[in-house]
Every structure is written in C-alpha cells, then in structure tokens.
PDB file of N, CA and C in Angstrom:
ATOM      1  N   MET A   1     -13.234 -18.114 -11.204  1.00  0.00           N
ATOM      2  CA  MET A   1     -12.312 -17.614 -10.199  1.00  0.00           C
ATOM      3  C   MET A   1     -11.170 -18.616 -10.049  1.00  0.00           C
ATOM      4  N   ALA A   2      -9.994 -18.100  -9.986  1.00  0.00           N
ATOM      5  CA  ALA A   2      -8.813 -18.966  -9.845  1.00  0.00           C
ATOM      6  C   ALA A   2      -8.277 -18.876  -8.425  1.00  0.00           C
ATOM      7  N   PHE A   3      -7.806 -19.993  -7.942  1.00  0.00           N
ATOM      8  CA  PHE A   3      -7.190 -20.056  -6.625  1.00  0.00           C
ATOM      9  C   PHE A   3      -5.701 -20.281  -6.806  1.00  0.00           C
ATOM     10  N   ALA A   4      -4.913 -19.655  -5.950  1.00  0.00           N
ATOM     11  CA  ALA A   4      -3.459 -19.820  -6.026  1.00  0.00           C
ATOM     12  C   ALA A   4      -3.080 -21.260  -5.684  1.00  0.00           C
ATOM     13  N   MET A   5      -2.136 -21.780  -6.440  1.00  0.00           N
ATOM     14  CA  MET A   5      -1.669 -23.136  -6.199  1.00  0.00           C
ATOM     15  C   MET A   5      -0.264 -23.065  -5.634  1.00  0.00           C
ATOM     16  N   GLY A   6      -0.086 -23.541  -4.419  1.00  0.00           N
ATOM     17  CA  GLY A   6       1.222 -23.528  -3.787  1.00  0.00           C
ATOM     18  C   GLY A   6       2.129 -24.617  -4.340  1.00  0.00           C
ATOM     19  N   THR A   7       3.393 -24.483  -4.025  1.00  0.00           N
ATOM     20  CA  THR A   7       4.415 -25.409  -4.507  1.00  0.00           C
ATOM     21  C   THR A   7       4.124 -26.861  -4.145  1.00  0.00           C
ATOM     22  N   PRO A   8       3.790 -27.190  -2.879  1.00  0.00           N
ATOM     23  CA  PRO A   8       3.550 -28.602  -2.568  1.00  0.00           C
ATOM     24  C   PRO A   8       2.399 -29.216  -3.374  1.00  0.00           C
ATOM     25  N   LEU A   9       1.353 -28.428  -3.615  1.00  0.00           N
ATOM     26  CA  LEU A   9       0.220 -28.957  -4.377  1.00  0.00           C
ATOM     27  C   LEU A   9       0.589 -29.156  -5.846  1.00  0.00           C
ATOM     28  N   LEU A  10       1.307 -28.215  -6.414  1.00  0.00           N
ATOM     29  CA  LEU A  10       1.746 -28.360  -7.798  1.00  0.00           C
ATOM     30  C   LEU A  10       2.696 -29.542  -7.945  1.00  0.00           C
ATOM     31  N   ASP A  11       3.615 -29.694  -7.002  1.00  0.00           N
ATOM     32  CA  ASP A  11       4.512 -30.854  -7.004  1.00  0.00           C
ATOM     33  C   ASP A  11       3.704 -32.146  -6.993  1.00  0.00           C
ATOM     34  N   ALA A  12       2.709 -32.203  -6.120  1.00  0.00           N
ATOM     35  CA  ALA A  12       1.888 -33.421  -6.009  1.00  0.00           C
ATOM     36  C   ALA A  12       1.142 -33.698  -7.309  1.00  0.00           C
ATOM     37  N   CYS A  13       0.643 -32.663  -7.969  1.00  0.00           N
ATOM     38  CA  CYS A  13      -0.074 -32.862  -9.225  1.00  0.00           C
ATOM     39  C   CYS A  13       0.844 -33.439 -10.299  1.00  0.00           C
ATOM     40  N   VAL A  14       2.055 -32.910 -10.402  1.00  0.00           N
ATOM     41  CA  VAL A  14       3.019 -33.424 -11.382  1.00  0.00           C
ATOM     42  C   VAL A  14       3.377 -34.865 -11.056  1.00  0.00           C
ATOM     43  N   LEU A  15       3.655 -35.140  -9.802  1.00  0.00           N
ATOM     44  CA  LEU A  15       3.997 -36.514  -9.405  1.00  0.00           C
ATOM     45  C   LEU A  15       2.826 -37.464  -9.620  1.00  0.00           C
ATOM     46  N   ALA A  16       1.606 -36.987  -9.412  1.00  0.00           N
ATOM     47  CA  ALA A  16       0.436 -37.836  -9.627  1.00  0.00           C
ATOM     48  C   ALA A  16       0.337 -38.262 -11.088  1.00  0.00           C
ATOM     49  N   VAL A  17       0.607 -37.340 -11.998  1.00  0.00           N
ATOM     50  CA  VAL A  17       0.600 -37.689 -13.419  1.00  0.00           C
ATOM     51  C   VAL A  17       1.656 -38.752 -13.687  1.00  0.00           C
ATOM     52  N   LEU A  18       2.851 -38.563 -13.132  1.00  0.00           N
ATOM     53  CA  LEU A  18       3.939 -39.508 -13.377  1.00  0.00           C
ATOM     54  C   LEU A  18       3.752 -40.835 -12.654  1.00  0.00           C
ATOM     55  N   SER A  19       2.903 -40.862 -11.646  1.00  0.00           N
ATOM     56  CA  SER A  19       2.662 -42.130 -10.949  1.00  0.00           C
ATOM     57  C   SER A  19       1.976 -43.141 -11.870  1.00  0.00           C
ATOM     58  N   GLY A  20       1.379 -42.636 -12.952  1.00  0.00           N
ATOM     59  CA  GLY A  20       0.757 -43.518 -13.936  1.00  0.00           C
ATOM     60  C   GLY A  20       1.712 -44.008 -15.005  1.00  0.00           C
ATOM     61  N   GLY A  21       2.945 -43.530 -14.982  1.00  0.00           N
ATOM     62  CA  GLY A  21       3.945 -43.954 -15.964  1.00  0.00           C
ATOM     63  C   GLY A  21       4.830 -42.803 -16.384  1.00  0.00           C
ATOM     64  N   ASP A  22       6.007 -43.141 -16.883  1.00  0.00           N
ATOM     65  CA  ASP A  22       6.974 -42.145 -17.326  1.00  0.00           C
ATOM     66  C   ASP A  22       6.371 -41.321 -18.457  1.00  0.00           C
ATOM     67  N   ALA A  23       6.840 -40.082 -18.577  1.00  0.00           N
ATOM     68  CA  ALA A  23       6.353 -39.207 -19.638  1.00  0.00           C
ATOM     69  C   ALA A  23       7.473 -38.273 -20.067  1.00  0.00           C
ATOM     70  N   TYR A  24       7.470 -37.916 -21.343  1.00  0.00           N
ATOM     71  CA  TYR A  24       8.437 -36.928 -21.801  1.00  0.00           C
ATOM     72  C   TYR A  24       7.861 -35.536 -21.534  1.00  0.00           C
ATOM     73  N   GLY A  25       8.732 -34.554 -21.535  1.00  0.00           N
ATOM     74  CA  GLY A  25       8.391 -33.220 -21.078  1.00  0.00           C
ATOM     75  C   GLY A  25       7.127 -32.635 -21.670  1.00  0.00           C
ATOM     76  N   TYR A  26       7.024 -32.601 -22.999  1.00  0.00           N
ATOM     77  CA  TYR A  26       5.855 -31.987 -23.628  1.00  0.00           C
ATOM     78  C   TYR A  26       4.583 -32.729 -23.264  1.00  0.00           C
ATOM     79  N   SER A  27       4.622 -34.048 -23.330  1.00  0.00           N
ATOM     80  CA  SER A  27       3.446 -34.850 -22.987  1.00  0.00           C
ATOM     81  C   SER A  27       3.012 -34.605 -21.549  1.00  0.00           C
ATOM     82  N   LEU A  28       3.975 -34.570 -20.660  1.00  0.00           N
ATOM     83  CA  LEU A  28       3.685 -34.337 -19.247  1.00  0.00           C
ATOM     84  C   LEU A  28       3.037 -32.969 -19.038  1.00  0.00           C
ATOM     85  N   THR A  29       3.614 -31.943 -19.640  1.00  0.00           N
ATOM     86  CA  THR A  29       3.050 -30.601 -19.454  1.00  0.00           C
ATOM     87  C   THR A  29       1.647 -30.511 -20.040  1.00  0.00           C
ATOM     88  N   GLN A  30       1.402 -31.165 -21.160  1.00  0.00           N
ATOM     89  CA  GLN A  30       0.057 -31.136 -21.743  1.00  0.00           C
ATOM     90  C   GLN A  30      -0.950 -31.841 -20.839  1.00  0.00           C
ATOM     91  N   ARG A  31      -0.548 -32.935 -20.236  1.00  0.00           N
ATOM     92  CA  ARG A  31      -1.458 -33.671 -19.343  1.00  0.00           C
ATOM     93  C   ARG A  31      -1.805 -32.836 -18.109  1.00  0.00           C
ATOM     94  N   VAL A  32      -0.823 -32.117 -17.582  1.00  0.00           N
ATOM     95  CA  VAL A  32      -1.101 -31.244 -16.435  1.00  0.00           C
ATOM     96  C   VAL A  32      -1.985 -30.083 -16.874  1.00  0.00           C
ATOM     97  N   LYS A  33      -1.681 -29.494 -18.029  1.00  0.00           N
ATOM     98  CA  LYS A  33      -2.444 -28.352 -18.516  1.00  0.00           C
ATOM     99  C   LYS A  33      -3.887 -28.716 -18.863  1.00  0.00           C
ATOM    100  N   GLU A  34      -4.182 -29.995 -19.140  1.00  0.00           N
ATOM    101  CA  GLU A  34      -5.566 -30.415 -19.389  1.00  0.00           C
ATOM    102  C   GLU A  34      -6.440 -30.177 -18.166  1.00  0.00           C
ATOM    103  N   ARG A  35      -5.823 -30.253 -16.997  1.00  0.00           N
ATOM    104  CA  ARG A  35      -6.575 -30.134 -15.740  1.00  0.00           C
ATOM    105  C   ARG A  35      -6.386 -28.806 -15.023  1.00  0.00           C
ATOM    106  N   LEU A  36      -5.230 -28.185 -15.225  1.00  0.00           N
ATOM    107  CA  LEU A  36      -4.893 -26.967 -14.487  1.00  0.00           C
ATOM    108  C   LEU A  36      -4.536 -25.852 -15.455  1.00  0.00           C
ATOM    109  N   ASP A  37      -4.910 -24.645 -15.106  1.00  0.00           N
ATOM    110  CA  ASP A  37      -4.551 -23.488 -15.914  1.00  0.00           C
ATOM    111  C   ASP A  37      -3.153 -23.039 -15.511  1.00  0.00           C
ATOM    112  N   ILE A  38      -2.166 -23.612 -16.179  1.00  0.00           N
ATOM    113  CA  ILE A  38      -0.773 -23.358 -15.815  1.00  0.00           C
ATOM    114  C   ILE A  38       0.076 -23.359 -17.079  1.00  0.00           C
ATOM    115  N   SER A  39       1.127 -22.577 -17.081  1.00  0.00           N
ATOM    116  CA  SER A  39       1.962 -22.471 -18.275  1.00  0.00           C
ATOM    117  C   SER A  39       3.112 -23.472 -18.236  1.00  0.00           C
ATOM    118  N   GLU A  40       3.619 -23.783 -19.432  1.00  0.00           N
ATOM    119  CA  GLU A  40       4.779 -24.667 -19.519  1.00  0.00           C
ATOM    120  C   GLU A  40       5.975 -24.044 -18.815  1.00  0.00           C
ATOM    121  N   SER A  41       6.092 -22.719 -18.893  1.00  0.00           N
ATOM    122  CA  SER A  41       7.230 -22.053 -18.261  1.00  0.00           C
ATOM    123  C   SER A  41       7.188 -22.196 -16.746  1.00  0.00           C
ATOM    124  N   THR A  42       6.038 -22.477 -16.190  1.00  0.00           N
ATOM    125  CA  THR A  42       5.925 -22.746 -14.754  1.00  0.00           C
ATOM    126  C   THR A  42       6.316 -24.178 -14.435  1.00  0.00           C
ATOM    127  N   LEU A  43       5.996 -25.101 -15.333  1.00  0.00           N
ATOM    128  CA  LEU A  43       6.200 -26.519 -15.043  1.00  0.00           C
ATOM    129  C   LEU A  43       7.648 -26.972 -15.145  1.00  0.00           C
ATOM    130  N   TYR A  44       8.412 -26.438 -16.066  1.00  0.00           N
ATOM    131  CA  TYR A  44       9.789 -26.919 -16.207  1.00  0.00           C
ATOM    132  C   TYR A  44      10.645 -26.638 -14.973  1.00  0.00           C
ATOM    133  N   PRO A  45      10.523 -25.485 -14.326  1.00  0.00           N
ATOM    134  CA  PRO A  45      11.257 -25.315 -13.054  1.00  0.00           C
ATOM    135  C   PRO A  45      10.792 -26.299 -11.969  1.00  0.00           C
ATOM    136  N   VAL A  46       9.509 -26.646 -11.987  1.00  0.00           N
ATOM    137  CA  VAL A  46       8.993 -27.644 -11.040  1.00  0.00           C
ATOM    138  C   VAL A  46       9.674 -28.981 -11.285  1.00  0.00           C
ATOM    139  N   LEU A  47       9.795 -29.370 -12.539  1.00  0.00           N
ATOM    140  CA  LEU A  47      10.449 -30.635 -12.878  1.00  0.00           C
ATOM    141  C   LEU A  47      11.913 -30.639 -12.443  1.00  0.00           C
ATOM    142  N   ARG A  48      12.593 -29.540 -12.667  1.00  0.00           N
ATOM    143  CA  ARG A  48      14.003 -29.465 -12.236  1.00  0.00           C
ATOM    144  C   ARG A  48      14.123 -29.568 -10.718  1.00  0.00           C
ATOM    145  N   ARG A  49      13.224 -28.903  -9.989  1.00  0.00           N
ATOM    146  CA  ARG A  49      13.261 -28.962  -8.529  1.00  0.00           C
ATOM    147  C   ARG A  49      12.953 -30.381  -8.022  1.00  0.00           C
ATOM    148  N   LEU A  50      11.947 -31.015  -8.619  1.00  0.00           N
ATOM    149  CA  LEU A  50      11.599 -32.372  -8.206  1.00  0.00           C
ATOM    150  C   LEU A  50      12.741 -33.343  -8.480  1.00  0.00           C
ATOM    151  N   GLU A  51      13.446 -33.133  -9.595  1.00  0.00           N
ATOM    152  CA  GLU A  51      14.610 -33.970  -9.881  1.00  0.00           C
ATOM    153  C   GLU A  51      15.707 -33.711  -8.842  1.00  0.00           C
ATOM    154  N   ARG A  52      15.990 -32.452  -8.584  1.00  0.00           N
ATOM    155  CA  ARG A  52      17.040 -32.085  -7.616  1.00  0.00           C
ATOM    156  C   ARG A  52      16.744 -32.677  -6.234  1.00  0.00           C
ATOM    157  N   ASP A  53      15.465 -32.705  -5.861  1.00  0.00           N
ATOM    158  CA  ASP A  53      15.083 -33.213  -4.542  1.00  0.00           C
ATOM    159  C   ASP A  53      14.970 -34.740  -4.491  1.00  0.00           C
ATOM    160  N   GLY A  54      15.192 -35.404  -5.628  1.00  0.00           N
ATOM    161  CA  GLY A  54      15.191 -36.867  -5.655  1.00  0.00           C
ATOM    162  C   GLY A  54      13.826 -37.496  -5.863  1.00  0.00           C
ATOM    163  N   TYR A  55      12.813 -36.694  -6.205  1.00  0.00           N
ATOM    164  CA  TYR A  55      11.464 -37.214  -6.415  1.00  0.00           C
ATOM    165  C   TYR A  55      11.254 -37.712  -7.838  1.00  0.00           C
ATOM    166  N   LEU A  56      12.105 -37.266  -8.745  1.00  0.00           N
ATOM    167  CA  LEU A  56      12.063 -37.685 -10.146  1.00  0.00           C
ATOM    168  C   LEU A  56      13.437 -38.105 -10.589  1.00  0.00           C
ATOM    169  N   ARG A  57      13.462 -38.983 -11.579  1.00  0.00           N
ATOM    170  CA  ARG A  57      14.710 -39.221 -12.288  1.00  0.00           C
ATOM    171  C   ARG A  57      14.431 -38.876 -13.746  1.00  0.00           C
ATOM    172  N   VAL A  58      15.481 -38.450 -14.413  1.00  0.00           N
ATOM    173  CA  VAL A  58      15.365 -37.980 -15.787  1.00  0.00           C
ATOM    174  C   VAL A  58      16.260 -38.846 -16.663  1.00  0.00           C
ATOM    175  N   TYR A  59      15.761 -39.201 -17.825  1.00  0.00           N
ATOM    176  CA  TYR A  59      16.572 -39.955 -18.775  1.00  0.00           C
ATOM    177  C   TYR A  59      16.167 -39.557 -20.186  1.00  0.00           C
ATOM    178  N   ASP A  60      17.074 -39.750 -21.112  1.00  0.00           N
ATOM    179  CA  ASP A  60      16.815 -39.438 -22.517  1.00  0.00           C
ATOM    180  C   ASP A  60      16.602 -40.721 -23.296  1.00  0.00           C
ATOM    181  N   ARG A  61      15.741 -40.619 -24.304  1.00  0.00           N
ATOM    182  CA  ARG A  61      15.471 -41.753 -25.180  1.00  0.00           C
ATOM    183  C   ARG A  61      15.369 -41.216 -26.611  1.00  0.00           C
ATOM    184  N   PRO A  62      16.017 -41.882 -27.563  1.00  0.00           N
ATOM    185  CA  PRO A  62      15.964 -41.411 -28.947  1.00  0.00           C
ATOM    186  C   PRO A  62      14.537 -41.465 -29.505  1.00  0.00           C
ATOM    187  N   PHE A  63      14.196 -40.439 -30.274  1.00  0.00           N
ATOM    188  CA  PHE A  63      12.904 -40.384 -30.946  1.00  0.00           C
ATOM    189  C   PHE A  63      13.071 -39.591 -32.236  1.00  0.00           C
ATOM    190  N   GLN A  64      12.876 -40.246 -33.371  1.00  0.00           N
ATOM    191  CA  GLN A  64      12.973 -39.633 -34.690  1.00  0.00           C
ATOM    192  C   GLN A  64      14.268 -38.818 -34.857  1.00  0.00           C
ATOM    193  N   GLY A  65      15.379 -39.434 -34.488  1.00  0.00           N
ATOM    194  CA  GLY A  65      16.683 -38.820 -34.688  1.00  0.00           C
ATOM    195  C   GLY A  65      17.093 -37.801 -33.627  1.00  0.00           C
ATOM    196  N   ARG A  66      16.250 -37.596 -32.636  1.00  0.00           N
ATOM    197  CA  ARG A  66      16.561 -36.664 -31.546  1.00  0.00           C
ATOM    198  C   ARG A  66      16.321 -37.368 -30.220  1.00  0.00           C
ATOM    199  N   ASN A  67      16.807 -36.764 -29.180  1.00  0.00           N
ATOM    200  CA  ASN A  67      16.550 -37.314 -27.848  1.00  0.00           C
ATOM    201  C   ASN A  67      15.351 -36.623 -27.217  1.00  0.00           C
ATOM    202  N   ARG A  68      14.504 -37.431 -26.584  1.00  0.00           N
ATOM    203  CA  ARG A  68      13.415 -36.907 -25.782  1.00  0.00           C
ATOM    204  C   ARG A  68      13.786 -37.094 -24.326  1.00  0.00           C
ATOM    205  N   ARG A  69      13.516 -36.094 -23.539  1.00  0.00           N
ATOM    206  CA  ARG A  69      13.791 -36.157 -22.101  1.00  0.00           C
ATOM    207  C   ARG A  69      12.543 -36.689 -21.399  1.00  0.00           C
ATOM    208  N   TYR A  70      12.739 -37.813 -20.695  1.00  0.00           N
ATOM    209  CA  TYR A  70      11.645 -38.452 -19.971  1.00  0.00           C
ATOM    210  C   TYR A  70      11.813 -38.232 -18.466  1.00  0.00           C
ATOM    211  N   TYR A  71      10.672 -38.224 -17.789  1.00  0.00           N
ATOM    212  CA  TYR A  71      10.636 -38.051 -16.344  1.00  0.00           C
ATOM    213  C   TYR A  71       9.942 -39.265 -15.740  1.00  0.00           C
ATOM    214  N   ALA A  72      10.520 -39.762 -14.639  1.00  0.00           N
ATOM    215  CA  ALA A  72       9.971 -40.932 -13.946  1.00  0.00           C
ATOM    216  C   ALA A  72       9.962 -40.640 -12.448  1.00  0.00           C
ATOM    217  N   ILE A  73       8.893 -41.024 -11.798  1.00  0.00           N
ATOM    218  CA  ILE A  73       8.808 -40.838 -10.349  1.00  0.00           C
ATOM    219  C   ILE A  73       9.692 -41.882  -9.663  1.00  0.00           C
ATOM    220  N   THR A  74      10.365 -41.488  -8.615  1.00  0.00           N
ATOM    221  CA  THR A  74      11.234 -42.392  -7.843  1.00  0.00           C
ATOM    222  C   THR A  74      10.455 -42.938  -6.639  1.00  0.00           C
ATOM    223  N   PRO A  75      10.990 -43.948  -5.960  1.00  0.00           N
ATOM    224  CA  PRO A  75      10.337 -44.417  -4.738  1.00  0.00           C
ATOM    225  C   PRO A  75      10.177 -43.297  -3.691  1.00  0.00           C
ATOM    226  N   VAL A  76      11.167 -42.438  -3.573  1.00  0.00           N
ATOM    227  CA  VAL A  76      11.058 -41.302  -2.650  1.00  0.00           C
ATOM    228  C   VAL A  76       9.941 -40.368  -3.103  1.00  0.00           C
ATOM    229  N   GLY A  77       9.810 -40.193  -4.410  1.00  0.00           N
ATOM    230  CA  GLY A  77       8.739 -39.370  -4.965  1.00  0.00           C
ATOM    231  C   GLY A  77       7.369 -39.953  -4.682  1.00  0.00           C
ATOM    232  N   ARG A  78       7.258 -41.286  -4.749  1.00  0.00           N
ATOM    233  CA  ARG A  78       5.972 -41.930  -4.435  1.00  0.00           C
ATOM    234  C   ARG A  78       5.588 -41.720  -2.971  1.00  0.00           C
ATOM    235  N   THR A  79       6.573 -41.806  -2.093  1.00  0.00           N
ATOM    236  CA  THR A  79       6.315 -41.560  -0.670  1.00  0.00           C
ATOM    237  C   THR A  79       5.878 -40.122  -0.461  1.00  0.00           C
ATOM    238  N   TYR A  80       6.583 -39.188  -1.086  1.00  0.00           N
ATOM    239  CA  TYR A  80       6.236 -37.770  -0.994  1.00  0.00           C
ATOM    240  C   TYR A  80       4.813 -37.541  -1.509  1.00  0.00           C
ATOM    241  N   LEU A  81       4.464 -38.169  -2.627  1.00  0.00           N
ATOM    242  CA  LEU A  81       3.130 -38.038  -3.199  1.00  0.00           C
ATOM    243  C   LEU A  81       2.076 -38.574  -2.242  1.00  0.00           C
ATOM    244  N   ASP A  82       2.325 -39.709  -1.632  1.00  0.00           N
ATOM    245  CA  ASP A  82       1.364 -40.274  -0.674  1.00  0.00           C
ATOM    246  C   ASP A  82       1.109 -39.320   0.486  1.00  0.00           C
ATOM    247  N   VAL A  83       2.167 -38.707   1.003  1.00  0.00           N
ATOM    248  CA  VAL A  83       2.022 -37.742   2.095  1.00  0.00           C
ATOM    249  C   VAL A  83       1.200 -36.552   1.628  1.00  0.00           C
ATOM    250  N   ARG A  84       1.527 -36.015   0.475  1.00  0.00           N
ATOM    251  CA  ARG A  84       0.805 -34.854  -0.050  1.00  0.00           C
ATOM    252  C   ARG A  84      -0.649 -35.187  -0.342  1.00  0.00           C
ATOM    253  N   ARG A  85      -0.931 -36.386  -0.835  1.00  0.00           N
ATOM    254  CA  ARG A  85      -2.330 -36.788  -1.072  1.00  0.00           C
ATOM    255  C   ARG A  85      -3.115 -36.778   0.231  1.00  0.00           C
ATOM    256  N   GLY A  86      -2.520 -37.319   1.281  1.00  0.00           N
ATOM    257  CA  GLY A  86      -3.191 -37.320   2.584  1.00  0.00           C
ATOM    258  C   GLY A  86      -3.457 -35.906   3.083  1.00  0.00           C
ATOM    259  N   GLU A  87      -2.469 -35.038   2.932  1.00  0.00           N
ATOM    260  CA  GLU A  87      -2.647 -33.639   3.345  1.00  0.00           C
ATOM    261  C   GLU A  87      -3.733 -32.961   2.512  1.00  0.00           C
ATOM    262  N   TRP A  88      -3.748 -33.228   1.211  1.00  0.00           N
ATOM    263  CA  TRP A  88      -4.759 -32.635   0.341  1.00  0.00           C
ATOM    264  C   TRP A  88      -6.153 -33.082   0.742  1.00  0.00           C
ATOM    265  N   ILE A  89      -6.323 -34.347   1.022  1.00  0.00           N
ATOM    266  CA  ILE A  89      -7.646 -34.856   1.388  1.00  0.00           C
ATOM    267  C   ILE A  89      -8.149 -34.171   2.657  1.00  0.00           C
ATOM    268  N   GLY A  90      -7.270 -34.025   3.639  1.00  0.00           N
ATOM    269  CA  GLY A  90      -7.655 -33.327   4.867  1.00  0.00           C
ATOM    270  C   GLY A  90      -8.018 -31.871   4.607  1.00  0.00           C
ATOM    271  N   PHE A  91      -7.223 -31.192   3.793  1.00  0.00           N
ATOM    272  CA  PHE A  91      -7.481 -29.800   3.455  1.00  0.00           C
ATOM    273  C   PHE A  91      -8.787 -29.666   2.682  1.00  0.00           C
ATOM    274  N   ARG A  92      -8.955 -30.500   1.651  1.00  0.00           N
ATOM    275  CA  ARG A  92     -10.162 -30.458   0.825  1.00  0.00           C
ATOM    276  C   ARG A  92     -11.409 -30.707   1.649  1.00  0.00           C
ATOM    277  N   ASP A  93     -11.337 -31.711   2.524  1.00  0.00           N
ATOM    278  CA  ASP A  93     -12.504 -32.027   3.353  1.00  0.00           C
ATOM    279  C   ASP A  93     -12.838 -30.877   4.298  1.00  0.00           C
ATOM    280  N   GLY A  94     -11.808 -30.220   4.834  1.00  0.00           N
ATOM    281  CA  GLY A  94     -12.037 -29.077   5.715  1.00  0.00           C
ATOM    282  C   GLY A  94     -12.692 -27.920   4.977  1.00  0.00           C
ATOM    283  N   VAL A  95     -12.199 -27.614   3.789  1.00  0.00           N
ATOM    284  CA  VAL A  95     -12.786 -26.527   2.993  1.00  0.00           C
ATOM    285  C   VAL A  95     -14.208 -26.881   2.597  1.00  0.00           C
ATOM    286  N   ASP A  96     -14.422 -28.116   2.147  1.00  0.00           N
ATOM    287  CA  ASP A  96     -15.780 -28.544   1.782  1.00  0.00           C
ATOM    288  C   ASP A  96     -16.739 -28.387   2.949  1.00  0.00           C
ATOM    289  N   ALA A  97     -16.297 -28.788   4.131  1.00  0.00           N
ATOM    290  CA  ALA A  97     -17.155 -28.685   5.313  1.00  0.00           C
ATOM    291  C   ALA A  97     -17.481 -27.229   5.624  1.00  0.00           C
ATOM    292  N   LEU A  98     -16.467 -26.364   5.550  1.00  0.00           N
ATOM    293  CA  LEU A  98     -16.712 -24.944   5.818  1.00  0.00           C
ATOM    294  C   LEU A  98     -17.672 -24.335   4.803  1.00  0.00           C
ATOM    295  N   LEU A  99     -17.458 -24.614   3.551  1.00  0.00           N
ATOM    296  CA  LEU A  99     -18.323 -24.045   2.519  1.00  0.00           C
ATOM    297  C   LEU A  99     -19.729 -24.608   2.600  1.00  0.00           C
ATOM    298  N   LYS A 100     -19.859 -25.858   2.922  1.00  0.00           N
ATOM    299  CA  LYS A 100     -21.176 -26.480   3.060  1.00  0.00           C
ATOM    300  C   LYS A 100     -21.906 -25.890   4.258  1.00  0.00           C
ATOM    301  N   GLU A 101     -21.207 -25.742   5.389  1.00  0.00           N
ATOM    302  CA  GLU A 101     -21.818 -25.157   6.584  1.00  0.00           C
ATOM    303  C   GLU A 101     -22.332 -23.770   6.284  1.00  0.00           C
ATOM    304  N   GLU A 102     -21.529 -22.965   5.593  1.00  0.00           N
ATOM    305  CA  GLU A 102     -21.923 -21.598   5.299  1.00  0.00           C
ATOM    306  C   GLU A 102     -23.166 -21.564   4.427  1.00  0.00           C
ATOM    307  N   SER A 103     -23.229 -22.463   3.433  1.00  0.00           N
ATOM    308  CA  SER A 103     -24.394 -22.457   2.547  1.00  0.00           C
ATOM    309  C   SER A 103     -25.638 -22.965   3.275  1.00  0.00           C
ATOM    310  N   GLU A 104     -25.477 -23.839   4.247  1.00  0.00           N
ATOM    311  CA  GLU A 104     -26.613 -24.350   4.996  1.00  0.00           C
ATOM    312  C   GLU A 104     -27.146 -23.322   5.980  1.00  0.00           C
ATOM    313  N   HIS A 105     -26.239 -22.438   6.483  1.00  0.00           N
ATOM    314  CA  HIS A 105     -26.641 -21.445   7.466  1.00  0.00           C
ATOM    315  C   HIS A 105     -26.961 -20.094   6.844  1.00  0.00           C
ATOM    316  N   GLY A 106     -26.626 -19.944   5.565  1.00  0.00           N
ATOM    317  CA  GLY A 106     -26.786 -18.656   4.901  1.00  0.00           C
ATOM    318  C   GLY A 106     -28.155 -18.504   4.390  1.00  0.00           C
TER     319      GLY A 106
END
C-alpha cells in the first residue's frame, strides 16, 4: 500500500540526501528512488522549486566533455530540513502511537 507524500515531506527527503554532500541530478534522483517509489519527472520540479526558494544552489561541473548539474544544500536549506525533521518525528510518533494503540485494543 502506498501513502501519498506531500510537498514538505518530499522536499525534506531531497534535502536530507543532499545534507550528506553535493550530488548531480541523476545520482540524486537515483538515491531518492532507492528509498521512495517516485519518478524522475516528479523530482526535477522539486529541485527547481527548492532552488527558487533558496534551499539549494545549483552549479555545473565539467564531466567527460559535458557539464553536469550539481545540487548543494544551502544554510537556509539546512534550517528548513531541521524544522521538517522535527515535524516528521512528531507526526511519525503520533501515527505509531495510534496504530499501536489500535492493535493493542483490537
């Protein structure tokens, strides 16, 4: 069963990957796709939005005669990620408690 992933959670997941270091587009999307069932066509608009909002910076670096587009989390992005992590933990703990209570009483 799949659960819908809202924009703030998807943003946090992308930023969490980048918090471990800069990544070029394909590598980044593959790392996210290893954990989440999501398409590349969904992730590139997320990257553009995160850049527009100042959470990412984008730069190009030559690779085998072509440029690769890299993404890096900004200090503002790290702050945003920290806030989202805290919200996720509260949400996750609440859902876990509800599901556990139901299974204990069911």
